Amino acid sequence: MRTVNIHEAKTHLSRLVEEAAQGESFVIAKAGKARAQVVPISKPAKKKPRQRIGFMKGQYTAPDDIKGPFAAEIEEMFYGRE
């Protein structure tokens, strides 16, 4: 693996980043001692498709009169007490 001193890395950063993106890793050294290793980023994983409305279709059933057991309470929430 190639070693680049810190001054050269600052001077040629754009070129070095492009080389790293192409798969060529390198080490940045200061006073002859390795300080950092630059490696290419692996390709990002494919994103999962977003869940859409209706994804639970067929997994449950709703009663025909869904507000039946609580009709009075629901009407009170919307219209207040009579």
PDB file of N, CA and C in Angstrom:
ATOM      1  N   MET A   1       0.842  -1.177   0.000  1.00  0.00           N
ATOM      2  CA  MET A   1       0.000   0.000   0.000  1.00  0.00           C
ATOM      3  C   MET A   1       0.890   1.244   0.000  1.00  0.00           C
ATOM      4  N   ARG A   2       0.508   2.199  -0.792  1.00  0.00           N
ATOM      5  CA  ARG A   2       1.292   3.420  -0.949  1.00  0.00           C
ATOM      6  C   ARG A   2       1.145   4.304   0.292  1.00  0.00           C
ATOM      7  N   THR A   3       2.227   4.996   0.660  1.00  0.00           N
ATOM      8  CA  THR A   3       2.223   5.945   1.763  1.00  0.00           C
ATOM      9  C   THR A   3       2.452   7.344   1.204  1.00  0.00           C
ATOM     10  N   VAL A   4       1.631   8.287   1.648  1.00  0.00           N
ATOM     11  CA  VAL A   4       1.692   9.672   1.188  1.00  0.00           C
ATOM     12  C   VAL A   4       1.899  10.546   2.417  1.00  0.00           C
ATOM     13  N   ASN A   5       2.847  11.510   2.323  1.00  0.00           N
ATOM     14  CA  ASN A   5       3.015  12.376   3.487  1.00  0.00           C
ATOM     15  C   ASN A   5       1.868  13.383   3.528  1.00  0.00           C
ATOM     16  N   ILE A   6       1.653  13.955   4.695  1.00  0.00           N
ATOM     17  CA  ILE A   6       0.482  14.801   4.916  1.00  0.00           C
ATOM     18  C   ILE A   6       0.494  16.036   4.017  1.00  0.00           C
ATOM     19  N   HIS A   7       1.647  16.613   3.745  1.00  0.00           N
ATOM     20  CA  HIS A   7       1.729  17.778   2.867  1.00  0.00           C
ATOM     21  C   HIS A   7       1.282  17.418   1.445  1.00  0.00           C
ATOM     22  N   GLU A   8       1.756  16.289   0.950  1.00  0.00           N
ATOM     23  CA  GLU A   8       1.349  15.842  -0.384  1.00  0.00           C
ATOM     24  C   GLU A   8      -0.152  15.542  -0.416  1.00  0.00           C
ATOM     25  N   ALA A   9      -0.669  14.966   0.655  1.00  0.00           N
ATOM     26  CA  ALA A   9      -2.101  14.650   0.716  1.00  0.00           C
ATOM     27  C   ALA A   9      -2.929  15.925   0.654  1.00  0.00           C
ATOM     28  N   LYS A  10      -2.516  16.983   1.366  1.00  0.00           N
ATOM     29  CA  LYS A  10      -3.241  18.252   1.319  1.00  0.00           C
ATOM     30  C   LYS A  10      -3.165  18.878  -0.070  1.00  0.00           C
ATOM     31  N   THR A  11      -2.004  18.792  -0.694  1.00  0.00           N
ATOM     32  CA  THR A  11      -1.796  19.403  -1.997  1.00  0.00           C
ATOM     33  C   THR A  11      -2.579  18.694  -3.098  1.00  0.00           C
ATOM     34  N   HIS A  12      -2.663  17.380  -3.037  1.00  0.00           N
ATOM     35  CA  HIS A  12      -3.270  16.579  -4.106  1.00  0.00           C
ATOM     36  C   HIS A  12      -4.504  15.816  -3.633  1.00  0.00           C
ATOM     37  N   LEU A  13      -5.251  16.403  -2.713  1.00  0.00           N
ATOM     38  CA  LEU A  13      -6.383  15.688  -2.116  1.00  0.00           C
ATOM     39  C   LEU A  13      -7.397  15.217  -3.152  1.00  0.00           C
ATOM     40  N   SER A  14      -7.782  16.066  -4.082  1.00  0.00           N
ATOM     41  CA  SER A  14      -8.791  15.678  -5.078  1.00  0.00           C
ATOM     42  C   SER A  14      -8.348  14.462  -5.876  1.00  0.00           C
ATOM     43  N   ARG A  15      -7.115  14.470  -6.338  1.00  0.00           N
ATOM     44  CA  ARG A  15      -6.596  13.348  -7.126  1.00  0.00           C
ATOM     45  C   ARG A  15      -6.543  12.083  -6.275  1.00  0.00           C
ATOM     46  N   LEU A  16      -6.095  12.206  -5.034  1.00  0.00           N
ATOM     47  CA  LEU A  16      -5.984  11.036  -4.159  1.00  0.00           C
ATOM     48  C   LEU A  16      -7.361  10.446  -3.838  1.00  0.00           C
ATOM     49  N   VAL A  17      -8.344  11.315  -3.640  1.00  0.00           N
ATOM     50  CA  VAL A  17      -9.703  10.820  -3.369  1.00  0.00           C
ATOM     51  C   VAL A  17     -10.239  10.072  -4.583  1.00  0.00           C
ATOM     52  N   GLU A  18     -10.010  10.586  -5.769  1.00  0.00           N
ATOM     53  CA  GLU A  18     -10.459   9.896  -6.975  1.00  0.00           C
ATOM     54  C   GLU A  18      -9.785   8.531  -7.118  1.00  0.00           C
ATOM     55  N   GLU A  19      -8.486   8.468  -6.816  1.00  0.00           N
ATOM     56  CA  GLU A  19      -7.778   7.188  -6.880  1.00  0.00           C
ATOM     57  C   GLU A  19      -8.355   6.211  -5.863  1.00  0.00           C
ATOM     58  N   ALA A  20      -8.665   6.703  -4.670  1.00  0.00           N
ATOM     59  CA  ALA A  20      -9.268   5.839  -3.652  1.00  0.00           C
ATOM     60  C   ALA A  20     -10.632   5.341  -4.116  1.00  0.00           C
ATOM     61  N   ALA A  21     -11.396   6.208  -4.761  1.00  0.00           N
ATOM     62  CA  ALA A  21     -12.710   5.808  -5.264  1.00  0.00           C
ATOM     63  C   ALA A  21     -12.594   4.710  -6.317  1.00  0.00           C
ATOM     64  N   GLN A  22     -11.473   4.691  -7.040  1.00  0.00           N
ATOM     65  CA  GLN A  22     -11.239   3.662  -8.049  1.00  0.00           C
ATOM     66  C   GLN A  22     -10.698   2.371  -7.441  1.00  0.00           C
ATOM     67  N   GLY A  23     -10.487   2.357  -6.119  1.00  0.00           N
ATOM     68  CA  GLY A  23     -10.060   1.131  -5.453  1.00  0.00           C
ATOM     69  C   GLY A  23      -8.634   1.137  -4.948  1.00  0.00           C
ATOM     70  N   GLU A  24      -7.904   2.233  -5.098  1.00  0.00           N
ATOM     71  CA  GLU A  24      -6.504   2.284  -4.664  1.00  0.00           C
ATOM     72  C   GLU A  24      -6.401   2.905  -3.270  1.00  0.00           C
ATOM     73  N   SER A  25      -6.236   2.083  -2.258  1.00  0.00           N
ATOM     74  CA  SER A  25      -6.100   2.557  -0.882  1.00  0.00           C
ATOM     75  C   SER A  25      -4.715   3.136  -0.667  1.00  0.00           C
ATOM     76  N   PHE A  26      -4.582   4.036   0.306  1.00  0.00           N
ATOM     77  CA  PHE A  26      -3.269   4.579   0.645  1.00  0.00           C
ATOM     78  C   PHE A  26      -3.257   5.018   2.100  1.00  0.00           C
ATOM     79  N   VAL A  27      -2.053   5.245   2.622  1.00  0.00           N
ATOM     80  CA  VAL A  27      -1.856   5.664   4.005  1.00  0.00           C
ATOM     81  C   VAL A  27      -1.325   7.088   4.000  1.00  0.00           C
ATOM     82  N   ILE A  28      -1.844   7.911   4.905  1.00  0.00           N
ATOM     83  CA  ILE A  28      -1.323   9.266   5.092  1.00  0.00           C
ATOM     84  C   ILE A  28      -0.425   9.227   6.321  1.00  0.00           C
ATOM     85  N   ALA A  29       0.823   9.728   6.145  1.00  0.00           N
ATOM     86  CA  ALA A  29       1.805   9.681   7.222  1.00  0.00           C
ATOM     87  C   ALA A  29       2.249  11.084   7.609  1.00  0.00           C
ATOM     88  N   LYS A  30       2.609  11.237   8.877  1.00  0.00           N
ATOM     89  CA  LYS A  30       3.169  12.489   9.373  1.00  0.00           C
ATOM     90  C   LYS A  30       4.472  12.135  10.078  1.00  0.00           C
ATOM     91  N   ALA A  31       5.548  12.768   9.645  1.00  0.00           N
ATOM     92  CA  ALA A  31       6.887  12.503  10.183  1.00  0.00           C
ATOM     93  C   ALA A  31       7.233  11.014  10.076  1.00  0.00           C
ATOM     94  N   GLY A  32       6.787  10.395   8.978  1.00  0.00           N
ATOM     95  CA  GLY A  32       7.119   8.997   8.732  1.00  0.00           C
ATOM     96  C   GLY A  32       6.256   7.993   9.480  1.00  0.00           C
ATOM     97  N   LYS A  33       5.309   8.462  10.274  1.00  0.00           N
ATOM     98  CA  LYS A  33       4.436   7.550  11.030  1.00  0.00           C
ATOM     99  C   LYS A  33       3.029   7.587  10.435  1.00  0.00           C
ATOM    100  N   ALA A  34       2.475   6.417  10.207  1.00  0.00           N
ATOM    101  CA  ALA A  34       1.132   6.319   9.631  1.00  0.00           C
ATOM    102  C   ALA A  34       0.115   6.951  10.579  1.00  0.00           C
ATOM    103  N   ARG A  35      -0.733   7.817  10.016  1.00  0.00           N
ATOM    104  CA  ARG A  35      -1.755   8.489  10.819  1.00  0.00           C
ATOM    105  C   ARG A  35      -3.173   8.109  10.391  1.00  0.00           C
ATOM    106  N   ALA A  36      -3.359   7.834   9.108  1.00  0.00           N
ATOM    107  CA  ALA A  36      -4.694   7.502   8.614  1.00  0.00           C
ATOM    108  C   ALA A  36      -4.582   6.622   7.377  1.00  0.00           C
ATOM    109  N   GLN A  37      -5.596   5.803   7.185  1.00  0.00           N
ATOM    110  CA  GLN A  37      -5.660   4.965   5.995  1.00  0.00           C
ATOM    111  C   GLN A  37      -6.909   5.371   5.215  1.00  0.00           C
ATOM    112  N   VAL A  38      -6.748   5.615   3.938  1.00  0.00           N
ATOM    113  CA  VAL A  38      -7.868   6.002   3.082  1.00  0.00           C
ATOM    114  C   VAL A  38      -8.205   4.803   2.213  1.00  0.00           C
ATOM    115  N   VAL A  39      -9.470   4.382   2.308  1.00  0.00           N
ATOM    116  CA  VAL A  39      -9.938   3.225   1.541  1.00  0.00           C
ATOM    117  C   VAL A  39     -11.224   3.605   0.818  1.00  0.00           C
ATOM    118  N   PRO A  40     -11.508   2.951  -0.291  1.00  0.00           N
ATOM    119  CA  PRO A  40     -12.751   3.267  -1.010  1.00  0.00           C
ATOM    120  C   PRO A  40     -13.966   2.825  -0.209  1.00  0.00           C
ATOM    121  N   ILE A  41     -15.047   3.553  -0.381  1.00  0.00           N
ATOM    122  CA  ILE A  41     -16.309   3.194   0.259  1.00  0.00           C
ATOM    123  C   ILE A  41     -16.960   2.111  -0.582  1.00  0.00           C
ATOM    124  N   SER A  42     -17.461   1.088   0.086  1.00  0.00           N
ATOM    125  CA  SER A  42     -18.158   0.043  -0.665  1.00  0.00           C
ATOM    126  C   SER A  42     -19.472   0.606  -1.183  1.00  0.00           C
ATOM    127  N   LYS A  43     -20.006   0.004  -2.205  1.00  0.00           N
ATOM    128  CA  LYS A  43     -21.254   0.477  -2.780  1.00  0.00           C
ATOM    129  C   LYS A  43     -22.360   0.376  -1.729  1.00  0.00           C
ATOM    130  N   PRO A  44     -23.220   1.391  -1.639  1.00  0.00           N
ATOM    131  CA  PRO A  44     -24.302   1.345  -0.655  1.00  0.00           C
ATOM    132  C   PRO A  44     -25.303   0.247  -1.008  1.00  0.00           C
ATOM    133  N   ALA A  45     -25.886  -0.330   0.024  1.00  0.00           N
ATOM    134  CA  ALA A  45     -26.887  -1.368  -0.181  1.00  0.00           C
ATOM    135  C   ALA A  45     -28.129  -0.754  -0.823  1.00  0.00           C
ATOM    136  N   LYS A  46     -28.842  -1.558  -1.595  1.00  0.00           N
ATOM    137  CA  LYS A  46     -30.065  -1.063  -2.220  1.00  0.00           C
ATOM    138  C   LYS A  46     -31.097  -0.761  -1.136  1.00  0.00           C
ATOM    139  N   LYS A  47     -31.821   0.337  -1.325  1.00  0.00           N
ATOM    140  CA  LYS A  47     -32.854   0.718  -0.370  1.00  0.00           C
ATOM    141  C   LYS A  47     -34.060  -0.187  -0.543  1.00  0.00           C
ATOM    142  N   LYS A  48     -34.703  -0.501   0.585  1.00  0.00           N
ATOM    143  CA  LYS A  48     -35.938  -1.263   0.537  1.00  0.00           C
ATOM    144  C   LYS A  48     -37.040  -0.340   0.034  1.00  0.00           C
ATOM    145  N   PRO A  49     -37.968  -0.878  -0.733  1.00  0.00           N
ATOM    146  CA  PRO A  49     -39.083  -0.034  -1.149  1.00  0.00           C
ATOM    147  C   PRO A  49     -39.916   0.376   0.068  1.00  0.00           C
ATOM    148  N   ARG A  50     -40.428   1.603   0.038  1.00  0.00           N
ATOM    149  CA  ARG A  50     -41.221   2.091   1.160  1.00  0.00           C
ATOM    150  C   ARG A  50     -42.538   1.345   1.240  1.00  0.00           C
ATOM    151  N   GLN A  51     -43.015   1.133   2.476  1.00  0.00           N
ATOM    152  CA  GLN A  51     -44.318   0.509   2.680  1.00  0.00           C
ATOM    153  C   GLN A  51     -45.387   1.472   2.187  1.00  0.00           C
ATOM    154  N   ARG A  52     -46.382   0.952   1.525  1.00  0.00           N
ATOM    155  CA  ARG A  52     -47.436   1.790   0.983  1.00  0.00           C
ATOM    156  C   ARG A  52     -48.759   1.487   1.672  1.00  0.00           C
ATOM    157  N   ILE A  53     -49.664   2.418   1.554  1.00  0.00           N
ATOM    158  CA  ILE A  53     -51.000   2.228   2.111  1.00  0.00           C
ATOM    159  C   ILE A  53     -51.607   0.985   1.474  1.00  0.00           C
ATOM    160  N   GLY A  54     -52.244   0.196   2.285  1.00  0.00           N
ATOM    161  CA  GLY A  54     -52.877  -1.019   1.790  1.00  0.00           C
ATOM    162  C   GLY A  54     -51.990  -2.248   1.906  1.00  0.00           C
ATOM    163  N   PHE A  55     -50.847  -2.118   2.571  1.00  0.00           N
ATOM    164  CA  PHE A  55     -49.933  -3.256   2.659  1.00  0.00           C
ATOM    165  C   PHE A  55     -50.493  -4.391   3.508  1.00  0.00           C
ATOM    166  N   MET A  56     -51.545  -4.137   4.297  1.00  0.00           N
ATOM    167  CA  MET A  56     -52.133  -5.194   5.129  1.00  0.00           C
ATOM    168  C   MET A  56     -53.435  -5.724   4.533  1.00  0.00           C
ATOM    169  N   LYS A  57     -53.685  -5.392   3.285  1.00  0.00           N
ATOM    170  CA  LYS A  57     -54.920  -5.811   2.637  1.00  0.00           C
ATOM    171  C   LYS A  57     -55.094  -7.329   2.736  1.00  0.00           C
ATOM    172  N   GLY A  58     -56.273  -7.731   3.194  1.00  0.00           N
ATOM    173  CA  GLY A  58     -56.573  -9.147   3.302  1.00  0.00           C
ATOM    174  C   GLY A  58     -56.110  -9.787   4.601  1.00  0.00           C
ATOM    175  N   GLN A  59     -55.460  -9.047   5.474  1.00  0.00           N
ATOM    176  CA  GLN A  59     -54.953  -9.615   6.721  1.00  0.00           C
ATOM    177  C   GLN A  59     -55.888  -9.378   7.903  1.00  0.00           C
ATOM    178  N   TYR A  60     -56.970  -8.641   7.693  1.00  0.00           N
ATOM    179  CA  TYR A  60     -57.931  -8.390   8.768  1.00  0.00           C
ATOM    180  C   TYR A  60     -59.290  -8.115   8.156  1.00  0.00           C
ATOM    181  N   THR A  61     -60.293  -8.112   8.998  1.00  0.00           N
ATOM    182  CA  THR A  61     -61.636  -7.753   8.547  1.00  0.00           C
ATOM    183  C   THR A  61     -62.211  -6.734   9.522  1.00  0.00           C
ATOM    184  N   ALA A  62     -63.008  -5.850   9.010  1.00  0.00           N
ATOM    185  CA  ALA A  62     -63.677  -4.843   9.835  1.00  0.00           C
ATOM    186  C   ALA A  62     -65.172  -5.114   9.769  1.00  0.00           C
ATOM    187  N   PRO A  63     -65.856  -4.913  10.879  1.00  0.00           N
ATOM    188  CA  PRO A  63     -67.305  -5.144  10.853  1.00  0.00           C
ATOM    189  C   PRO A  63     -67.992  -4.125   9.949  1.00  0.00           C
ATOM    190  N   ASP A  64     -69.178  -4.503   9.418  1.00  0.00           N
ATOM    191  CA  ASP A  64     -69.921  -3.603   8.535  1.00  0.00           C
ATOM    192  C   ASP A  64     -70.279  -2.299   9.245  1.00  0.00           C
ATOM    193  N   ASP A  65     -70.687  -2.397  10.504  1.00  0.00           N
ATOM    194  CA  ASP A  65     -71.035  -1.213  11.279  1.00  0.00           C
ATOM    195  C   ASP A  65     -69.937  -1.013  12.319  1.00  0.00           C
ATOM    196  N   ILE A  66     -68.861  -0.384  11.924  1.00  0.00           N
ATOM    197  CA  ILE A  66     -67.672  -0.299  12.780  1.00  0.00           C
ATOM    198  C   ILE A  66     -67.894   0.550  14.029  1.00  0.00           C
ATOM    199  N   LYS A  67     -68.798   1.536  13.954  1.00  0.00           N
ATOM    200  CA  LYS A  67     -69.015   2.357  15.140  1.00  0.00           C
ATOM    201  C   LYS A  67     -70.185   1.877  15.990  1.00  0.00           C
ATOM    202  N   GLY A  68     -70.784   0.751  15.624  1.00  0.00           N
ATOM    203  CA  GLY A  68     -71.953   0.223  16.319  1.00  0.00           C
ATOM    204  C   GLY A  68     -71.830   0.163  17.827  1.00  0.00           C
ATOM    205  N   PRO A  69     -70.856  -0.548  18.385  1.00  0.00           N
ATOM    206  CA  PRO A  69     -70.797  -0.694  19.840  1.00  0.00           C
ATOM    207  C   PRO A  69     -70.502   0.618  20.575  1.00  0.00           C
ATOM    208  N   PHE A  70     -69.911   1.589  19.892  1.00  0.00           N
ATOM    209  CA  PHE A  70     -69.526   2.834  20.557  1.00  0.00           C
ATOM    210  C   PHE A  70     -70.186   4.047  19.918  1.00  0.00           C
ATOM    211  N   ALA A  71     -71.320   3.864  19.270  1.00  0.00           N
ATOM    212  CA  ALA A  71     -71.961   4.945  18.531  1.00  0.00           C
ATOM    213  C   ALA A  71     -72.231   6.158  19.415  1.00  0.00           C
ATOM    214  N   ALA A  72     -72.748   5.949  20.594  1.00  0.00           N
ATOM    215  CA  ALA A  72     -73.074   7.075  21.482  1.00  0.00           C
ATOM    216  C   ALA A  72     -71.809   7.846  21.863  1.00  0.00           C
ATOM    217  N   GLU A  73     -70.750   7.138  22.216  1.00  0.00           N
ATOM    218  CA  GLU A  73     -69.503   7.791  22.614  1.00  0.00           C
ATOM    219  C   GLU A  73     -68.888   8.572  21.451  1.00  0.00           C
ATOM    220  N   ILE A  74     -68.946   8.000  20.261  1.00  0.00           N
ATOM    221  CA  ILE A  74     -68.379   8.663  19.079  1.00  0.00           C
ATOM    222  C   ILE A  74     -69.165   9.925  18.755  1.00  0.00           C
ATOM    223  N   GLU A  75     -70.480   9.841  18.773  1.00  0.00           N
ATOM    224  CA  GLU A  75     -71.292  11.020  18.500  1.00  0.00           C
ATOM    225  C   GLU A  75     -71.057  12.101  19.543  1.00  0.00           C
ATOM    226  N   GLU A  76     -70.857  11.706  20.787  1.00  0.00           N
ATOM    227  CA  GLU A  76     -70.587  12.677  21.850  1.00  0.00           C
ATOM    228  C   GLU A  76     -69.247  13.384  21.600  1.00  0.00           C
ATOM    229  N   MET A  77     -68.240  12.645  21.108  1.00  0.00           N
ATOM    230  CA  MET A  77     -66.923  13.261  20.823  1.00  0.00           C
ATOM    231  C   MET A  77     -67.041  14.300  19.706  1.00  0.00           C
ATOM    232  N   PHE A  78     -67.887  14.030  18.709  1.00  0.00           N
ATOM    233  CA  PHE A  78     -68.008  14.952  17.581  1.00  0.00           C
ATOM    234  C   PHE A  78     -68.998  16.095  17.845  1.00  0.00           C
ATOM    235  N   TYR A  79     -70.112  15.778  18.478  1.00  0.00           N
ATOM    236  CA  TYR A  79     -71.176  16.751  18.575  1.00  0.00           C
ATOM    237  C   TYR A  79     -71.428  17.261  20.005  1.00  0.00           C
ATOM    238  N   GLY A  80     -70.792  16.662  20.984  1.00  0.00           N
ATOM    239  CA  GLY A  80     -71.001  17.051  22.371  1.00  0.00           C
ATOM    240  C   GLY A  80     -72.271  16.386  22.926  1.00  0.00           C
ATOM    241  N   ARG A  81     -72.564  16.686  24.180  1.00  0.00           N
ATOM    242  CA  ARG A  81     -73.758  16.096  24.806  1.00  0.00           C
ATOM    243  C   ARG A  81     -74.997  16.875  24.408  1.00  0.00           C
ATOM    244  N   GLU A  82     -76.088  16.164  24.290  1.00  0.00           N
ATOM    245  CA  GLU A  82     -77.350  16.822  23.930  1.00  0.00           C
ATOM    246  C   GLU A  82     -78.159  17.082  25.154  1.00  0.00           C
TER     247      GLU A  82
END
